[in-house]
C-alpha cells in the first residue's frame, strides 16, 4: 500500500534524537541533503526477526531501531505479502509493528526496513549547494522550486513557472523579492518534514534542545476556484532572522507583517506576486489564542480544537494550506509528537510557548499525516 502523505522527524515525542536521521544545521547544503534523504528514505536496518500473528506484523531489531509511531516504513525481502509501505502502529526500543493481511508465521532471510521515501518529486537541476525540485504528478501545477542553500544559516526559496537551469527560467516567484528558510545559526537543530507529491512543509527548530519551530512551505495549495491554475506558493521569511512560522501570526499582523512572506506564481490578474504575512483562518485569528485565552489541550470533548488555514492574497483567501490547521488551545500541548484532531492524527509544530513573563507568545500548528485534499 502506498501512503501519499509522509512525515519525517529528527526527534521522537520525548525529545530524543532519532539515531541515523539526517542532520540539519547552519552548514551550507544541509537542507538539500535533508530533502534528498526524505525523498529517497533513510535509516535502513536489517531485521533480527519478523513474525505475523492475528493481523499484526512485528519486527525485531536486537540493536534497536529509529522508527516512530505512525511513521511510514518500507519493508524489503519479506515476500509479496509483506514487502512495501506500512504505517507503524506500535513501537518499543527493539520492536515495531504494523497491520497486515498476511498469513500468520515467522519470516526468515535478509529482510530490511527503512523510513519510506517521499517519492513524487524530481530533482531536475543541481549546482553546488543549490537544487531545483518539481512534482512528478500531472494532477498538480508542476511548478519548479529552487532551494539555494549556499549561505548556510538561511536558504533562499523561489518558485518558477518553468525552469530552464539552476535558478533560471520563466516567471520566477516572488520575482525580485526573497523568501527564506530559516535553518540554523550554526549547530544541529530539530526539524520536521511533512509532505505529499504536491506540497512540502519544512519546520526548523531554533536548536537541538528546544522544540519551538519555524514552518516553511512550497508547492500547491488547495484551490478555492477550479479556474485558478496558479494556486501554488512559496512561504517563509522576508528577513534572515525570524522565529515565527509563516502561519503563526497575530490577527492584527497577519496581512501586513513584512517579516513573513508568501510568493505566488500569479496574482489575481496574472502577474507574479508576493504577499507579506498572508495567512488567514476561518474567521479566527491565526495566532492561536495564547495570552491565556482558549481551553487547555486536550479539549473537554477530546482531542484538539482546530481551524483550517488559508493562504491570503491581496487581503482575500487564495487557497487552502493543504493539511495545515491552527490549534485553538492556550496551553497543555505536548512539546512534540502527534495530536488528535477529530480522529485524524497530526504532527504538532509549536511556536513560541506561552508564559507569564513574555508577551511574544505564539500558539501551535498541526499538519495532518493522513491524505490531504486535492491540490
Protein backbone atom coordinates (compact mmCIF):
# COMPACT_ATOMS: atom_id res chain seq x y z
CA UNK A 1 0.00 0.00 0.00
CA UNK A 2 1.20 3.49 -0.79
CA UNK A 3 0.74 6.34 1.67
CA UNK A 4 0.74 9.70 -0.17
CA UNK A 5 1.42 11.83 2.93
CA UNK A 6 4.62 11.02 4.80
CA UNK A 7 6.27 12.64 7.78
CA UNK A 8 9.85 12.72 8.93
CA UNK A 9 11.39 13.99 12.16
CA UNK A 10 14.78 14.40 13.76
CA UNK A 11 13.39 13.70 17.26
CA UNK A 12 10.77 11.46 18.84
CA UNK A 13 7.86 12.66 21.01
CA UNK A 14 10.06 12.52 24.12
CA UNK A 15 12.60 14.87 22.55
CA UNK A 16 15.22 12.19 21.93
CA UNK A 17 17.21 12.48 18.71
CA UNK A 18 16.46 9.75 16.16
CA UNK A 19 19.63 7.75 15.54
CA UNK A 20 20.69 7.93 11.92
CA UNK A 21 18.25 10.68 10.91
CA UNK A 22 19.64 13.36 8.59
CA UNK A 23 21.12 16.41 10.32
CA UNK A 24 20.03 20.00 9.65
CA UNK A 25 22.48 22.72 10.65
CA UNK A 26 23.93 26.04 9.59
CA UNK A 27 26.24 24.20 7.20
CA UNK A 28 25.72 25.03 3.54
CA UNK A 29 23.96 22.18 1.74
CA UNK A 30 22.47 20.52 4.82
CA UNK A 31 18.89 21.40 3.81
CA UNK A 32 19.41 19.96 0.32
CA UNK A 33 20.78 16.78 1.90
CA UNK A 34 17.74 16.62 4.20
CA UNK A 35 15.21 17.00 1.37
CA UNK A 36 17.05 14.39 -0.70
CA UNK A 37 17.14 11.94 2.23
CA UNK A 38 13.40 12.35 2.83
CA UNK A 39 12.76 11.82 -0.89
CA UNK A 40 14.73 8.57 -1.02
CA UNK A 41 14.18 7.20 2.51
CA UNK A 42 16.77 6.69 5.24
CA UNK A 43 17.68 4.75 8.39
CA UNK A 44 17.84 1.32 6.77
CA UNK A 45 18.20 -1.63 9.18
CA UNK A 46 18.27 -5.41 8.86
CA UNK A 47 15.61 -7.17 10.91
CA UNK A 48 16.57 -9.74 13.53
CA UNK A 49 13.12 -11.34 13.33
CA UNK A 50 9.72 -10.83 11.69
CA UNK A 51 6.55 -12.59 12.82
CA UNK A 52 2.89 -12.30 11.84
CA UNK A 53 0.09 -13.10 14.26
CA UNK A 54 -3.62 -12.22 14.15
CA UNK A 55 -3.29 -9.42 11.62
CA UNK A 56 -0.20 -7.78 13.11
CA UNK A 57 3.35 -8.00 11.80
CA UNK A 58 6.02 -7.45 14.46
CA UNK A 59 9.62 -6.74 13.52
CA UNK A 60 12.50 -7.07 15.95
CA UNK A 61 15.87 -5.33 15.67
CA UNK A 62 18.06 -6.53 18.52
CA UNK A 63 20.29 -3.47 18.42
CA UNK A 64 17.35 -1.03 18.34
CA UNK A 65 15.58 0.83 15.54
CA UNK A 66 14.90 4.50 14.69
CA UNK A 67 11.24 4.34 13.63
CA UNK A 68 8.49 6.49 15.14
CA UNK A 69 4.90 5.66 15.98
CA UNK A 70 2.63 6.30 12.94
CA UNK A 71 5.60 6.82 10.62
CA UNK A 72 5.61 5.15 7.18
CA UNK A 73 8.27 2.48 6.78
CA UNK A 74 9.21 0.31 3.80
CA UNK A 75 9.94 -3.41 4.06
CA UNK A 76 12.03 -5.36 1.53
CA UNK A 77 12.94 -9.05 1.32
CA UNK A 78 9.91 -10.43 3.18
CA UNK A 79 7.87 -11.51 0.16
CA UNK A 80 4.94 -10.01 -1.72
CA UNK A 81 2.51 -10.12 1.22
CA UNK A 82 4.73 -8.01 3.50
CA UNK A 83 7.01 -6.02 1.23
CA UNK A 84 6.13 -2.39 0.61
CA UNK A 85 5.00 0.54 2.71
CA UNK A 86 3.29 0.27 6.09
CA UNK A 87 2.24 2.63 8.86
CA UNK A 88 3.91 1.76 12.16
CA UNK A 89 1.24 1.29 14.84
CA UNK A 90 3.28 0.22 17.85
CA UNK A 91 6.91 0.73 18.84
CA UNK A 92 9.31 -0.25 21.60
CA UNK A 93 13.06 0.16 21.77
CA UNK A 94 13.69 -3.01 19.75
CA UNK A 95 10.36 -3.75 18.01
CA UNK A 96 7.87 -2.07 15.70
CA UNK A 97 4.59 -3.37 14.33
CA UNK A 98 2.01 -2.74 11.62
CA UNK A 99 -1.36 -4.09 10.50
CA UNK A 100 -1.27 -6.74 7.76
CA UNK A 101 -3.45 -9.24 5.93
CA UNK A 102 -0.52 -11.68 5.60
CA UNK A 103 -0.83 -15.21 6.96
CA UNK A 104 0.46 -16.00 10.45
CA UNK A 105 4.02 -17.23 10.57
CA UNK A 106 7.68 -16.43 11.07
CA UNK A 107 9.69 -14.96 8.21
CA UNK A 108 13.38 -15.56 7.61
CA UNK A 109 16.11 -14.31 5.31
CA UNK A 110 17.66 -10.91 4.71
CA UNK A 111 14.72 -8.60 5.47
CA UNK A 112 15.32 -4.87 5.67
CA UNK A 113 13.33 -1.82 6.73
CA UNK A 114 13.79 1.91 6.24
CA UNK A 115 11.86 5.13 6.65
CA UNK A 116 9.88 5.18 3.40
CA UNK A 117 10.92 7.83 0.93
CA UNK A 118 8.51 10.58 -0.06
CA UNK A 119 8.72 9.97 -3.79
CA UNK A 120 6.72 12.01 -6.28
CA UNK A 121 9.34 14.76 -6.62
CA UNK A 122 12.17 15.01 -9.14
CA UNK A 123 15.42 16.87 -8.54
CA UNK A 124 15.77 18.35 -12.01
CA UNK A 125 18.71 20.75 -11.62
CA UNK A 126 21.59 20.97 -9.18
CA UNK A 127 24.69 23.12 -8.83
CA UNK A 128 26.87 23.41 -5.75
CA UNK A 129 24.59 23.83 -2.75
CA UNK A 130 21.53 24.69 -4.83
CA UNK A 131 18.88 22.36 -6.23
CA UNK A 132 15.55 22.63 -8.03
CA UNK A 133 12.63 20.27 -7.39
CA UNK A 134 9.43 19.61 -9.32
CA UNK A 135 6.45 17.39 -8.59
CA UNK A 136 6.19 14.39 -10.89
CA UNK A 137 2.39 14.30 -10.62
CA UNK A 138 0.43 15.66 -13.57
CA UNK A 139 -2.53 16.18 -11.22
CA UNK A 140 -0.91 19.31 -9.77
CA UNK A 141 0.56 22.54 -11.16
CA UNK A 142 4.12 21.15 -11.57
CA UNK A 143 5.94 24.40 -10.94
CA UNK A 144 9.64 24.18 -10.12
CA UNK A 145 11.11 25.19 -6.75
CA UNK A 146 14.63 26.37 -6.01
CA UNK A 147 16.39 25.86 -2.70
CA UNK A 148 19.61 27.87 -2.65
CA UNK A 149 21.40 26.56 0.44
CA UNK A 150 24.71 28.31 -0.21
CA UNK A 151 24.57 30.79 2.67
CA UNK A 152 24.38 28.16 5.40
CA UNK A 153 22.26 29.67 8.15
CA UNK A 154 19.36 30.51 5.82
CA UNK A 155 18.31 29.19 2.42
CA UNK A 156 16.59 31.08 -0.39
CA UNK A 157 13.28 29.61 -1.57
CA UNK A 158 11.96 30.56 -5.01
CA UNK A 159 9.50 29.13 -7.50
CA UNK A 160 9.45 29.15 -11.30
CA UNK A 161 6.56 28.51 -13.62
CA UNK A 162 9.06 26.81 -15.94
CA UNK A 163 12.76 26.41 -15.10
CA UNK A 164 15.48 26.08 -17.74
CA UNK A 165 18.56 25.83 -15.49
CA UNK A 166 19.51 26.28 -11.86
CA UNK A 167 17.77 29.48 -10.64
CA UNK A 168 16.75 30.43 -14.17
CA UNK A 169 13.58 30.21 -16.21
CA UNK A 170 10.21 31.78 -16.89
CA UNK A 171 8.26 33.80 -14.34
CA UNK A 172 10.17 33.39 -11.06
CA UNK A 173 8.11 33.94 -7.96
CA UNK A 174 8.16 36.00 -5.86
CA UNK A 175 10.06 37.92 -8.53
CA UNK A 176 12.73 40.25 -7.17
CA UNK A 177 11.74 39.66 -3.54
CA UNK A 178 13.24 36.90 -1.43
CA UNK A 179 11.59 34.18 0.63
CA UNK A 180 13.97 32.49 3.05
CA UNK A 181 14.01 29.25 5.03
CA UNK A 182 15.40 29.96 8.50
CA UNK A 183 17.66 26.93 9.12
CA UNK A 184 20.13 27.29 11.97
CA UNK A 185 22.56 29.78 13.44
CA UNK A 186 25.21 27.07 13.45
CA UNK A 187 24.71 23.69 15.12
CA UNK A 188 22.21 20.91 14.54
CA UNK A 189 18.54 21.81 15.10
CA UNK A 190 15.32 19.86 15.36
CA UNK A 191 13.39 19.50 12.15
CA UNK A 192 10.13 18.05 10.83
CA UNK A 193 9.16 17.47 7.20
CA UNK A 194 5.58 16.60 6.22
CA UNK A 195 4.79 16.24 2.53
CA UNK A 196 3.00 14.59 -0.33
CA UNK A 197 3.70 14.69 -4.06
CA UNK A 198 2.31 18.23 -4.39
CA UNK A 199 3.22 20.14 -1.22
CA UNK A 200 6.18 20.11 1.17
CA UNK A 201 6.24 21.62 4.68
CA UNK A 202 9.62 22.08 6.37
CA UNK A 203 9.78 23.03 10.06
CA UNK A 204 13.15 24.07 11.50
CA UNK A 205 13.81 24.34 15.22
CA UNK A 206 15.77 27.06 16.93
CA UNK A 207 18.18 24.50 18.44
CA UNK A 208 18.54 20.76 19.04
CA UNK A 209 17.15 21.07 22.57
CA UNK A 210 14.21 23.46 22.03
CA UNK A 211 11.03 22.19 20.39
CA UNK A 212 9.91 25.62 19.12
CA UNK A 213 9.89 25.59 15.32
CA UNK A 214 9.53 27.83 12.27
CA UNK A 215 7.39 26.50 9.44
CA UNK A 216 8.04 26.93 5.71
CA UNK A 217 6.19 25.58 2.68
CA UNK A 218 6.45 25.20 -1.08
CA UNK A 219 4.13 23.58 -3.60
CA UNK A 220 0.44 23.53 -4.40
CA UNK A 221 -2.38 25.00 -2.33
CA UNK A 222 -5.92 23.66 -2.32
CA UNK A 223 -7.78 25.67 -4.95
CA UNK A 224 -10.81 27.70 -3.97
CA UNK A 225 -11.63 28.19 -7.66
CA UNK A 226 -11.10 25.43 -10.21
CA UNK A 227 -10.15 28.10 -12.74
CA UNK A 228 -7.13 29.17 -10.66
CA UNK A 229 -4.30 27.44 -12.48
CA UNK A 230 -1.63 29.23 -10.43
CA UNK A 231 -2.76 28.30 -6.91
CA UNK A 232 0.71 27.44 -5.60
CA UNK A 233 3.12 29.26 -3.31
CA UNK A 234 6.43 29.51 -1.52
CA UNK A 235 6.16 30.61 2.10
CA UNK A 236 8.84 31.56 4.59
CA UNK A 237 10.54 34.74 5.77
CA UNK A 238 11.49 38.04 4.21
CA UNK A 239 14.42 38.58 6.57
CA UNK A 240 17.24 36.27 7.57
CA UNK A 241 16.46 36.17 11.29
CA UNK A 242 12.90 35.39 12.36
CA UNK A 243 11.34 32.99 14.85
CA UNK A 244 7.68 32.96 13.84
CA UNK A 245 6.13 30.49 11.40
CA UNK A 246 4.51 31.85 8.26
CA UNK A 247 1.12 30.72 9.61
CA UNK A 248 1.53 31.73 13.26
CA UNK A 249 0.75 35.43 13.31
CA UNK A 250 -1.32 37.78 15.42
CA UNK A 251 -4.58 38.62 13.67
CA UNK A 252 -3.66 42.31 13.52
CA UNK A 253 -0.45 41.48 11.65
CA UNK A 254 -1.45 38.54 9.54
CA UNK A 255 -1.90 40.57 6.34
CA UNK A 256 0.71 43.26 6.96
CA UNK A 257 3.78 41.72 8.60
CA UNK A 258 6.70 42.37 6.24
CA UNK A 259 8.83 39.77 8.01
CA UNK A 260 6.86 36.77 6.80
CA UNK A 261 6.26 36.37 3.09
CA UNK A 262 4.31 34.21 0.67
CA UNK A 263 5.16 34.28 -3.02
CA UNK A 264 2.66 33.29 -5.73
CA UNK A 265 3.32 32.40 -9.39
CA UNK A 266 0.50 34.70 -10.39
CA UNK A 267 -1.56 37.49 -8.91
CA UNK A 268 -5.28 37.74 -9.36
CA UNK A 269 -4.66 39.37 -12.75
CA UNK A 270 -1.85 37.07 -13.86
CA UNK A 271 1.37 38.75 -12.69
CA UNK A 272 3.95 37.21 -10.34
CA UNK A 273 3.10 38.45 -6.87
CA UNK A 274 4.05 38.42 -3.21
CA UNK A 275 2.05 39.00 -0.03
CA UNK A 276 3.51 39.62 3.41
CA UNK A 277 2.28 37.59 6.34
CA UNK A 278 -0.64 36.42 4.25
CA UNK A 279 -2.27 33.58 6.13
CA UNK A 280 -5.85 33.70 7.33
CA UNK A 281 -8.16 31.29 9.08
CA UNK A 282 -11.88 30.66 9.00
CA UNK A 283 -12.73 33.86 10.84
CA UNK A 284 -10.43 33.25 13.81
CA UNK A 285 -7.03 34.80 14.46
CA UNK A 286 -4.22 32.63 13.16
CA UNK A 287 -2.13 33.40 16.24
CA UNK A 288 -3.78 30.67 18.27
CA UNK A 289 -5.17 32.12 21.43
CA UNK A 290 -2.14 32.50 23.73
CA UNK A 291 -2.50 35.42 26.11
CA UNK A 292 -4.24 32.98 28.49
CA UNK A 293 -7.33 32.52 26.30
CA UNK A 294 -8.66 29.23 24.99
CA UNK A 295 -9.13 25.88 26.74
CA UNK A 296 -6.19 23.66 27.63
CA UNK A 297 -5.34 20.71 25.40
CA UNK A 298 -6.97 18.22 25.14
CA UNK A 299 -10.43 19.75 24.76
CA UNK A 300 -13.21 18.57 27.09
CA UNK A 301 -14.73 16.91 24.03
CA UNK A 302 -11.47 15.05 23.46
CA UNK A 303 -8.55 15.73 21.13
CA UNK A 304 -7.70 19.13 19.70
CA UNK A 305 -9.85 22.03 18.56
CA UNK A 306 -8.57 23.24 15.19
CA UNK A 307 -9.31 25.57 12.30
CA UNK A 308 -8.19 25.03 8.68
CA UNK A 309 -5.83 27.70 7.38
CA UNK A 310 -5.91 29.56 4.08
CA UNK A 311 -3.20 31.50 2.26
CA UNK A 312 -4.44 35.01 1.54
CA UNK A 313 -3.60 37.18 -1.43
CA UNK A 314 -4.43 40.86 -1.60
CA UNK A 315 -6.50 40.60 1.56
CA UNK A 316 -8.63 37.66 0.39
CA UNK A 317 -8.16 33.89 0.73
CA UNK A 318 -6.34 32.48 -2.32
CA UNK A 319 -6.11 28.79 -1.42
CA UNK A 320 -6.22 26.31 1.42
CA UNK A 321 -2.98 25.32 3.14
CA UNK A 322 -3.33 21.60 2.47
CA UNK A 323 -3.33 19.52 5.66
CA UNK A 324 -2.44 22.51 7.86
CA UNK A 325 -4.51 23.56 10.87
CA UNK A 326 -4.30 26.16 13.61
CA UNK A 327 -4.82 24.90 17.17
CA UNK A 328 -7.16 26.80 19.48
CA UNK A 329 -5.74 25.93 22.88
CA UNK A 330 -3.84 28.20 25.25
CA UNK A 331 -1.76 25.53 26.98
CA UNK A 332 -1.23 21.84 27.58
CA UNK A 333 0.35 20.80 24.30
CA UNK A 334 2.98 18.10 24.34
CA UNK A 335 6.37 19.51 23.40
CA UNK A 336 6.50 17.39 20.25
CA UNK A 337 4.88 14.40 18.60
CA UNK A 338 1.30 13.85 17.42
CA UNK A 339 -2.08 15.32 18.35
CA UNK A 340 -5.58 14.04 17.61
CA UNK A 341 -7.65 16.47 15.52
CA UNK A 342 -11.10 14.95 15.28
CA UNK A 343 -9.88 11.40 14.79
CA UNK A 344 -7.07 12.39 12.42
CA UNK A 345 -3.51 12.32 13.72
CA UNK A 346 -1.34 15.34 13.02
CA UNK A 347 2.25 16.38 13.66
CA UNK A 348 2.49 19.14 16.24
CA UNK A 349 4.51 22.23 15.30
CA UNK A 350 4.94 24.52 18.31
CA UNK A 351 5.84 28.19 18.07
CA UNK A 352 6.59 30.45 21.00
CA UNK A 353 5.37 28.89 24.24
CA UNK A 354 3.04 30.93 26.46
CA UNK A 355 4.47 32.04 29.78
CA UNK A 356 3.65 34.74 32.29
CA UNK A 357 6.79 36.76 31.63
CA UNK A 358 6.57 37.14 27.86
CA UNK A 359 4.11 38.95 25.65
CA UNK A 360 5.56 37.45 22.48
CA UNK A 361 3.70 34.18 22.52
CA UNK A 362 2.51 32.11 19.60
CA UNK A 363 0.31 29.08 19.52
CA UNK A 364 0.79 25.87 17.62
CA UNK A 365 0.06 24.32 14.26
CA UNK A 366 -0.90 20.78 13.30
CA UNK A 367 -0.13 19.07 9.98
CA UNK A 368 -2.28 16.02 9.25
CA UNK A 369 -0.37 12.82 8.44
CA UNK A 370 -3.24 11.21 6.50
CA UNK A 371 -4.31 12.09 2.95
CA UNK A 372 -4.81 15.78 2.18
CA UNK A 373 -7.35 17.37 -0.14
CA UNK A 374 -6.67 17.54 -3.87
CA UNK A 375 -4.48 20.46 -4.98
